[in-house]
Amino acid sequence: MLKGSALDFIILVEPVSSGHLVPKLSGGRGKSTFVTRTNFVKQMQHHQVRWASANGLHPAATENGGSRDHVLLHEHRKQNLYKPDWWEMISGKEHRWARALTSSQCFAVNLFAPLVDDPALALAVFRRFCPHRVESGISVEVALEFAPEQTGEWLGEAGQTTQVDACFIVSRGNTQIGFVLVEVKLAETSFGTCRGAKPANKNGSGNPDPSRCKDFGQIHRSPQTDCWMVARHRRRYWDWLGDTEWFDLSHVPDAEGCPFRDGVYQLMRNAVLARALMVEADAEWSEVAVCVHAGNHIAHQLKYAVAGTADALDAARRIAPKAGFEALSPAAVVSAIKAADPTHSNWAGWMRSRYDLGPESCEIYVKS
């Protein structure tokens, strides 16, 4: 754990029925291989189908009869949430597969929605996880699918801008002073990949020369011409990545591919937004955290080593060392909310059953 920078404790044991993915670096240059005991994605899908059946949602409410019996029909999509009216929190920002029972977006809503309309509870949970950021007189609010209005301008994004699954917004009086940006993953297999690293499709849409993405040195020296996301879409990520007070790209050899072509892409964008909140919005501090189901070891693993590691979080920490990238257990969030407000006991039990988070008695907390 990063001392004095983010979350003070984490659950070490969170029993789940899934197996594990063990990363290994092969003898080849920068290539990682894996030993997979079980497929967590399929296992979570099966768990969700069983849960839906036990709760009257299967098969009538799902796309049963095909390969997507873990996907709710459109008219039943709100049943993906503990409280159907929570859907309003993401209305207009729904992900394509928000109605899938394995949706990370709905997992994030179910996990953090109790804090959205309860600033006292949000403050209590924040105090427990971020004691180093606590000071007298602060207030805390939680926003889902967080994206300031200026995000597109700051990051050079048109249309869909970077949205953070959940954000703790800390204020002193009427002034927002700090942010904890939380990326949530249930059964997704990575922290996003850059579409610029994919070849153009049959209609010619996309990067006509993705081989450029294999030469980090050239991209770093001239992103305006060699990064398709800059040249074609005017993204400003590389402008921010040049901020050496926040980013350190010295760990990435020139001969490697772009570190953001694979599973560090989303983490980089969150780190860029965190820095933009400090530079453009005058925040005193900003941090990034990740909240991944304990059984999902796949999301952390990179196809190719980045900055000398095959772990996405380790790579992100090396590239943006001041951003934190601390790991927050979903079960820890459930326990913290229940401990601060026992009226959420039914919700806590529902979360543990719905997402196979394990019994509360098996949680182990340790100091960093």
Protein backbone atom coordinates (compact mmCIF):
# COMPACT_ATOMS: atom_id res chain seq x y z
CA MET A 1 0.00 0.00 0.00
CA LEU A 2 1.19 3.49 -0.80
CA LYS A 3 1.65 5.21 2.55
CA GLY A 4 0.07 8.64 3.01
CA SER A 5 -1.37 8.59 -0.46
CA ALA A 6 -4.57 6.61 -0.55
CA LEU A 7 -6.57 3.85 1.09
CA ASP A 8 -5.37 2.82 4.54
CA PHE A 9 -6.59 -0.74 4.59
CA ILE A 10 -7.78 -3.46 2.30
CA ILE A 11 -9.41 -6.85 2.62
CA LEU A 12 -6.85 -9.57 2.05
CA VAL A 13 -9.22 -12.50 2.12
CA GLU A 14 -12.47 -12.28 0.22
CA PRO A 15 -13.76 -15.79 -0.45
CA VAL A 16 -15.19 -16.32 -3.89
CA SER A 17 -15.88 -19.44 -5.86
CA SER A 18 -13.57 -18.44 -8.70
CA GLY A 19 -10.12 -19.73 -9.47
CA HIS A 20 -7.00 -17.68 -10.05
CA LEU A 21 -4.93 -16.41 -12.92
CA VAL A 22 -1.19 -16.58 -12.36
CA PRO A 23 0.90 -14.17 -14.48
CA LYS A 24 4.34 -15.10 -15.72
CA LEU A 25 6.79 -13.27 -17.95
CA SER A 26 7.98 -15.50 -20.75
CA GLY A 27 11.47 -15.56 -22.14
CA GLY A 28 10.36 -13.46 -25.12
CA ARG A 29 10.81 -9.72 -25.02
CA GLY A 30 8.02 -8.04 -23.09
CA LYS A 31 5.54 -10.84 -23.69
CA SER A 32 3.42 -12.16 -20.81
CA THR A 33 1.74 -15.55 -20.56
CA PHE A 34 -0.83 -16.84 -18.09
CA VAL A 35 -1.87 -19.99 -16.33
CA THR A 36 -5.66 -19.96 -16.04
CA ARG A 37 -7.31 -22.34 -13.59
CA THR A 38 -10.86 -21.23 -14.29
CA ASN A 39 -12.48 -18.68 -16.52
CA PHE A 40 -13.76 -16.03 -14.11
CA VAL A 41 -15.84 -14.30 -16.77
CA LYS A 42 -17.83 -17.43 -17.59
CA GLN A 43 -18.04 -18.33 -13.94
CA MET A 44 -19.50 -14.94 -13.04
CA GLN A 45 -21.96 -15.22 -15.92
CA HIS A 46 -23.13 -18.57 -14.60
CA HIS A 47 -23.37 -17.20 -11.07
CA GLN A 48 -25.49 -14.30 -12.30
CA VAL A 49 -27.81 -16.61 -14.26
CA ARG A 50 -28.30 -18.72 -11.13
CA TRP A 51 -28.93 -15.58 -9.10
CA ALA A 52 -31.45 -14.32 -11.67
CA SER A 53 -33.27 -17.64 -11.68
CA ALA A 54 -33.49 -17.66 -7.88
CA ASN A 55 -34.92 -14.15 -7.97
CA GLY A 56 -37.54 -14.67 -10.66
CA LEU A 57 -35.66 -12.91 -13.46
CA HIS A 58 -34.75 -15.95 -15.53
CA PRO A 59 -35.65 -16.92 -18.16
CA ALA A 60 -38.53 -14.54 -18.76
CA ALA A 61 -36.53 -11.36 -18.16
CA THR A 62 -33.36 -12.33 -20.04
CA GLU A 63 -32.30 -13.03 -23.61
CA ASN A 64 -32.77 -16.71 -22.98
CA GLY A 65 -32.54 -19.21 -25.81
CA GLY A 66 -29.28 -17.86 -27.18
CA SER A 67 -25.81 -17.26 -25.83
CA ARG A 68 -26.82 -14.22 -23.77
CA ASP A 69 -29.00 -15.57 -20.99
CA HIS A 70 -27.01 -13.31 -18.64
CA VAL A 71 -28.38 -10.21 -20.42
CA LEU A 72 -31.66 -8.66 -19.31
CA LEU A 73 -34.25 -7.67 -21.87
CA HIS A 74 -34.42 -3.93 -22.39
CA GLU A 75 -37.73 -3.60 -20.57
CA HIS A 76 -36.25 -5.35 -17.53
CA ARG A 77 -32.92 -3.49 -17.45
CA LYS A 78 -33.70 -1.60 -14.22
CA GLN A 79 -33.93 -4.91 -12.38
CA ASN A 80 -30.16 -5.03 -12.68
CA LEU A 81 -30.07 -2.63 -9.72
CA TYR A 82 -30.93 -3.09 -6.05
CA LYS A 83 -33.38 -0.22 -6.39
CA PRO A 84 -34.78 0.26 -9.91
CA ASP A 85 -35.00 4.03 -9.46
CA TRP A 86 -31.19 4.12 -9.12
CA TRP A 87 -31.18 3.87 -12.93
CA GLU A 88 -31.76 7.62 -12.98
CA MET A 89 -28.21 8.05 -11.69
CA ILE A 90 -26.84 6.79 -15.00
CA SER A 91 -29.66 7.82 -17.32
CA GLY A 92 -28.21 9.07 -20.58
CA LYS A 93 -24.81 7.62 -19.70
CA GLU A 94 -25.65 3.93 -19.92
CA HIS A 95 -22.95 1.67 -21.28
CA ARG A 96 -23.83 -0.55 -24.22
CA TRP A 97 -24.21 -3.64 -22.05
CA ALA A 98 -25.57 -1.99 -18.90
CA ARG A 99 -28.42 -4.49 -18.95
CA ALA A 100 -26.01 -7.43 -18.70
CA LEU A 101 -26.06 -9.03 -15.27
CA THR A 102 -22.25 -8.88 -15.39
CA SER A 103 -22.23 -5.13 -16.12
CA SER A 104 -19.44 -3.31 -14.30
CA GLN A 105 -21.44 -0.11 -14.58
CA CYS A 106 -24.39 -1.57 -12.69
CA PHE A 107 -21.99 -3.19 -10.23
CA ALA A 108 -20.62 0.30 -9.52
CA VAL A 109 -24.12 1.75 -9.13
CA ASN A 110 -25.19 -1.02 -6.76
CA LEU A 111 -21.98 -0.55 -4.78
CA PHE A 112 -21.85 3.24 -4.43
CA ALA A 113 -25.45 4.43 -4.87
CA PRO A 114 -26.18 4.35 -1.10
CA LEU A 115 -23.63 7.17 -0.75
CA VAL A 116 -24.96 9.41 -3.53
CA ASP A 117 -27.86 10.95 -1.65
CA ASP A 118 -26.37 10.62 1.82
CA PRO A 119 -23.42 13.01 2.33
CA ALA A 120 -23.10 12.05 6.00
CA LEU A 121 -22.67 8.40 5.04
CA ALA A 122 -20.29 9.38 2.22
CA LEU A 123 -18.17 11.29 4.71
CA ALA A 124 -18.13 8.35 7.15
CA VAL A 125 -16.96 5.96 4.44
CA PHE A 126 -14.40 8.46 3.16
CA ARG A 127 -13.00 8.89 6.68
CA ARG A 128 -12.52 5.16 6.93
CA PHE A 129 -10.72 4.74 3.62
CA CYS A 130 -8.84 8.01 3.26
CA PRO A 131 -7.86 9.15 6.77
CA HIS A 132 -4.87 11.03 5.37
CA ARG A 133 -7.26 13.34 3.49
CA VAL A 134 -9.57 14.03 6.41
CA GLU A 135 -9.62 17.48 7.95
CA SER A 136 -12.04 19.40 10.11
CA GLY A 137 -15.00 20.92 8.35
CA ILE A 138 -14.88 18.99 5.07
CA SER A 139 -17.92 17.58 3.31
CA VAL A 140 -18.02 14.67 0.88
CA GLU A 141 -20.35 13.79 -1.95
CA VAL A 142 -20.26 10.84 -4.32
CA ALA A 143 -21.02 11.11 -8.03
CA LEU A 144 -21.51 8.25 -10.47
CA GLU A 145 -20.24 8.41 -14.07
CA PHE A 146 -18.30 11.49 -13.04
CA ALA A 147 -17.22 13.81 -15.86
CA PRO A 148 -16.84 17.58 -15.38
CA GLU A 149 -18.38 19.66 -18.15
CA GLN A 150 -14.92 20.78 -19.25
CA THR A 151 -13.56 17.23 -19.61
CA GLY A 152 -13.83 17.29 -23.40
CA GLU A 153 -11.90 20.54 -23.60
CA TRP A 154 -9.25 19.45 -21.12
CA LEU A 155 -8.61 16.07 -22.74
CA GLY A 156 -9.40 16.92 -26.35
CA GLU A 157 -12.36 14.53 -26.42
CA ALA A 158 -15.39 15.01 -28.64
CA GLY A 159 -18.66 13.21 -28.03
CA GLN A 160 -18.22 10.62 -25.30
CA THR A 161 -15.71 11.97 -22.81
CA THR A 162 -13.83 10.11 -20.09
CA GLN A 163 -16.30 9.16 -17.34
CA VAL A 164 -15.23 7.79 -13.98
CA ASP A 165 -17.43 5.08 -12.47
CA ALA A 166 -17.56 6.70 -9.03
CA CYS A 167 -15.95 9.80 -7.57
CA PHE A 168 -15.59 11.04 -4.01
CA ILE A 169 -15.70 14.85 -4.20
CA VAL A 170 -14.28 16.55 -1.13
CA SER A 171 -15.13 20.17 -0.33
CA ARG A 172 -14.05 22.74 2.20
CA GLY A 173 -16.97 25.09 2.53
CA ASN A 174 -18.15 25.77 -1.02
CA THR A 175 -14.80 24.94 -2.61
CA GLN A 176 -14.01 21.53 -4.05
CA ILE A 177 -10.52 20.66 -2.86
CA GLY A 178 -10.00 17.00 -3.71
CA PHE A 179 -11.17 14.02 -5.74
CA VAL A 180 -10.86 10.25 -5.53
CA LEU A 181 -11.63 8.77 -8.93
CA VAL A 182 -12.69 5.12 -8.62
CA GLU A 183 -12.58 2.71 -11.56
CA VAL A 184 -14.83 -0.32 -10.97
CA LYS A 185 -14.55 -3.72 -12.65
CA LEU A 186 -16.69 -6.81 -12.22
CA ALA A 187 -15.96 -9.30 -15.01
CA GLU A 188 -14.26 -7.20 -17.68
CA THR A 189 -10.95 -8.62 -18.81
CA SER A 190 -8.90 -5.42 -18.95
CA PHE A 191 -8.73 -1.73 -18.10
CA GLY A 192 -9.50 -0.81 -21.68
CA THR A 193 -7.50 -0.77 -24.89
CA CYS A 194 -6.82 2.11 -27.25
CA ARG A 195 -8.78 1.79 -30.49
CA GLY A 196 -5.88 3.44 -32.28
CA ALA A 197 -3.95 0.20 -31.84
CA LYS A 198 -6.52 -1.70 -33.89
CA PRO A 199 -6.36 -1.84 -37.70
CA ALA A 200 -8.93 -0.08 -39.85
CA ASN A 201 -12.10 -2.05 -40.52
CA LYS A 202 -13.34 -3.13 -43.94
CA ASN A 203 -14.99 0.28 -44.39
CA GLY A 204 -11.66 2.01 -43.86
CA SER A 205 -12.62 3.43 -40.49
CA GLY A 206 -9.79 3.28 -37.97
CA ASN A 207 -6.05 3.59 -37.84
CA PRO A 208 -4.59 2.86 -41.31
CA ASP A 209 -1.19 2.06 -39.80
CA PRO A 210 -1.44 0.59 -36.28
CA SER A 211 2.16 -0.66 -36.59
CA ARG A 212 3.15 2.81 -35.38
CA CYS A 213 1.79 1.83 -31.98
CA LYS A 214 4.69 -0.63 -31.62
CA ASP A 215 7.30 2.16 -31.49
CA PHE A 216 6.95 4.05 -28.22
CA GLY A 217 10.10 6.10 -28.79
CA GLN A 218 8.77 7.57 -32.02
CA ILE A 219 5.31 8.19 -30.58
CA HIS A 220 6.78 9.86 -27.52
CA ARG A 221 8.96 12.13 -29.66
CA SER A 222 6.22 13.06 -32.11
CA PRO A 223 2.69 12.18 -30.97
CA GLN A 224 1.24 14.81 -33.31
CA THR A 225 2.24 12.70 -36.32
CA ASP A 226 2.66 9.19 -34.94
CA CYS A 227 -0.25 8.80 -32.53
CA TRP A 228 -3.45 8.28 -34.53
CA MET A 229 -5.59 9.44 -31.60
CA VAL A 230 -3.79 12.78 -31.72
CA ALA A 231 -3.43 13.17 -35.48
CA ARG A 232 -6.97 12.07 -36.30
CA HIS A 233 -9.00 12.81 -33.17
CA ARG A 234 -7.02 15.66 -31.58
CA ARG A 235 -6.78 13.94 -28.21
CA ARG A 236 -4.65 15.85 -25.72
CA TYR A 237 -3.49 12.94 -23.60
CA TRP A 238 0.12 13.35 -24.70
CA ASP A 239 0.06 17.02 -23.72
CA TRP A 240 -0.73 15.93 -20.19
CA LEU A 241 1.67 13.00 -20.28
CA GLY A 242 4.44 15.52 -20.75
CA ASP A 243 3.77 16.88 -17.25
CA THR A 244 6.76 15.41 -15.44
CA GLU A 245 5.45 16.50 -12.05
CA TRP A 246 2.71 13.91 -12.43
CA PHE A 247 3.89 11.41 -15.05
CA ASP A 248 7.13 9.48 -15.41
CA LEU A 249 7.60 7.70 -18.74
CA SER A 250 11.27 6.94 -18.12
CA HIS A 251 10.34 3.38 -17.15
CA VAL A 252 9.09 2.65 -20.69
CA PRO A 253 11.92 1.74 -23.10
CA ASP A 254 11.80 3.37 -26.52
CA ALA A 255 11.87 -0.05 -28.16
CA GLU A 256 8.62 -1.12 -26.50
CA GLY A 257 5.20 -0.49 -27.94
CA CYS A 258 2.99 2.34 -26.74
CA PRO A 259 2.20 1.58 -23.09
CA PHE A 260 -1.43 2.57 -23.61
CA ARG A 261 -2.32 0.28 -26.50
CA ASP A 262 -3.35 -2.50 -24.13
CA GLY A 263 -4.78 -2.62 -20.59
CA VAL A 264 -3.30 0.59 -19.18
CA TYR A 265 -5.31 2.88 -21.48
CA GLN A 266 -8.28 3.53 -19.18
CA LEU A 267 -6.04 3.95 -16.16
CA MET A 268 -3.98 6.53 -18.06
CA ARG A 269 -7.08 8.52 -18.99
CA ASN A 270 -8.21 8.56 -15.35
CA ALA A 271 -4.75 9.73 -14.28
CA VAL A 272 -4.89 12.48 -16.90
CA LEU A 273 -8.31 13.59 -15.66
CA ALA A 274 -7.04 13.53 -12.08
CA ARG A 275 -4.18 15.84 -13.05
CA ALA A 276 -6.51 18.09 -15.05
CA LEU A 277 -8.70 18.54 -11.97
CA MET A 278 -5.68 19.92 -10.15
CA VAL A 279 -4.36 22.13 -12.94
CA GLU A 280 -7.61 23.33 -14.49
CA ALA A 281 -10.05 23.12 -11.57
CA ASP A 282 -7.57 24.16 -8.87
CA ALA A 283 -8.05 21.05 -6.77
CA GLU A 284 -5.46 20.70 -4.02
CA TRP A 285 -5.18 16.97 -4.57
CA SER A 286 -6.55 14.16 -6.71
CA GLU A 287 -6.16 10.40 -6.59
CA VAL A 288 -7.16 7.35 -8.62
CA ALA A 289 -8.34 4.08 -7.08
CA VAL A 290 -9.53 0.81 -8.58
CA CYS A 291 -12.28 -1.40 -7.22
CA VAL A 292 -12.14 -4.86 -8.80
CA HIS A 293 -13.97 -8.03 -7.79
CA ALA A 294 -11.53 -10.19 -5.82
CA GLY A 295 -12.01 -13.11 -8.18
CA ASN A 296 -11.15 -11.11 -11.28
CA HIS A 297 -7.41 -11.47 -11.72
CA ILE A 298 -7.66 -11.25 -15.48
CA ALA A 299 -8.27 -7.48 -15.63
CA HIS A 300 -4.87 -6.78 -14.09
CA GLN A 301 -2.89 -8.82 -16.58
CA LEU A 302 -1.37 -7.28 -19.68
CA LYS A 303 -0.75 -9.02 -22.99
CA TYR A 304 2.60 -7.30 -23.16
CA ALA A 305 4.76 -6.05 -20.32
CA VAL A 306 4.65 -2.29 -19.77
CA ALA A 307 7.37 -0.47 -17.85
CA GLY A 308 8.85 -3.81 -16.88
CA THR A 309 5.71 -5.41 -15.46
CA ALA A 310 2.82 -7.51 -16.71
CA ASP A 311 0.44 -6.09 -14.10
CA ALA A 312 -1.67 -3.15 -15.26
CA LEU A 313 -1.84 -1.49 -11.85
CA ASP A 314 1.88 -1.76 -11.27
CA ALA A 315 2.50 -0.27 -14.71
CA ALA A 316 0.11 2.61 -14.01
CA ARG A 317 1.78 3.28 -10.66
CA ARG A 318 5.17 3.51 -12.34
CA ILE A 319 3.90 5.81 -15.08
CA ALA A 320 1.82 8.04 -12.76
CA PRO A 321 3.39 7.54 -9.31
CA LYS A 322 1.51 10.39 -7.63
CA ALA A 323 -1.91 9.22 -8.79
CA GLY A 324 -2.03 6.40 -6.25
CA PHE A 325 -3.89 3.61 -8.06
CA GLU A 326 -4.72 1.93 -4.78
CA ALA A 327 -6.82 -1.23 -4.80
CA LEU A 328 -10.13 -1.05 -2.97
CA SER A 329 -12.04 -4.28 -2.36
CA PRO A 330 -15.77 -4.17 -3.20
CA ALA A 331 -16.46 -6.16 -0.04
CA ALA A 332 -14.65 -3.48 1.96
CA VAL A 333 -17.02 -0.87 0.57
CA VAL A 334 -20.03 -3.00 1.51
CA SER A 335 -18.70 -3.51 5.04
CA ALA A 336 -17.86 0.16 5.51
CA ILE A 337 -21.33 1.28 4.46
CA LYS A 338 -23.05 -1.28 6.65
CA ALA A 339 -20.83 -0.42 9.63
CA ALA A 340 -21.56 3.29 9.26
CA ASP A 341 -25.30 2.77 8.77
CA PRO A 342 -26.76 -0.61 9.82
CA THR A 343 -30.04 0.22 8.05
CA HIS A 344 -28.22 -0.91 4.89
CA SER A 345 -27.90 -4.48 6.21
CA ASN A 346 -30.39 -5.90 3.69
CA TRP A 347 -28.57 -4.18 0.85
CA ALA A 348 -25.24 -5.54 2.14
CA GLY A 349 -26.59 -9.09 2.19
CA TRP A 350 -28.02 -8.64 -1.30
CA MET A 351 -24.66 -7.40 -2.60
CA ARG A 352 -22.78 -10.36 -1.14
CA SER A 353 -25.22 -12.85 -2.60
CA ARG A 354 -25.66 -11.13 -5.95
CA TYR A 355 -21.95 -10.70 -6.61
CA ASP A 356 -20.49 -13.64 -4.67
CA LEU A 357 -18.50 -11.39 -2.35
CA GLY A 358 -18.24 -13.97 0.40
CA PRO A 359 -19.44 -13.96 4.01
CA GLU A 360 -18.66 -10.92 6.10
CA SER A 361 -17.02 -13.02 8.80
CA CYS A 362 -14.22 -13.99 6.44
CA GLU A 363 -12.96 -10.45 5.91
CA ILE A 364 -9.50 -9.63 7.18
CA TYR A 365 -8.31 -6.03 7.52
CA VAL A 366 -4.66 -5.08 7.87
CA LYS A 367 -2.85 -1.79 8.05
CA SER A 368 -0.75 -0.72 5.07
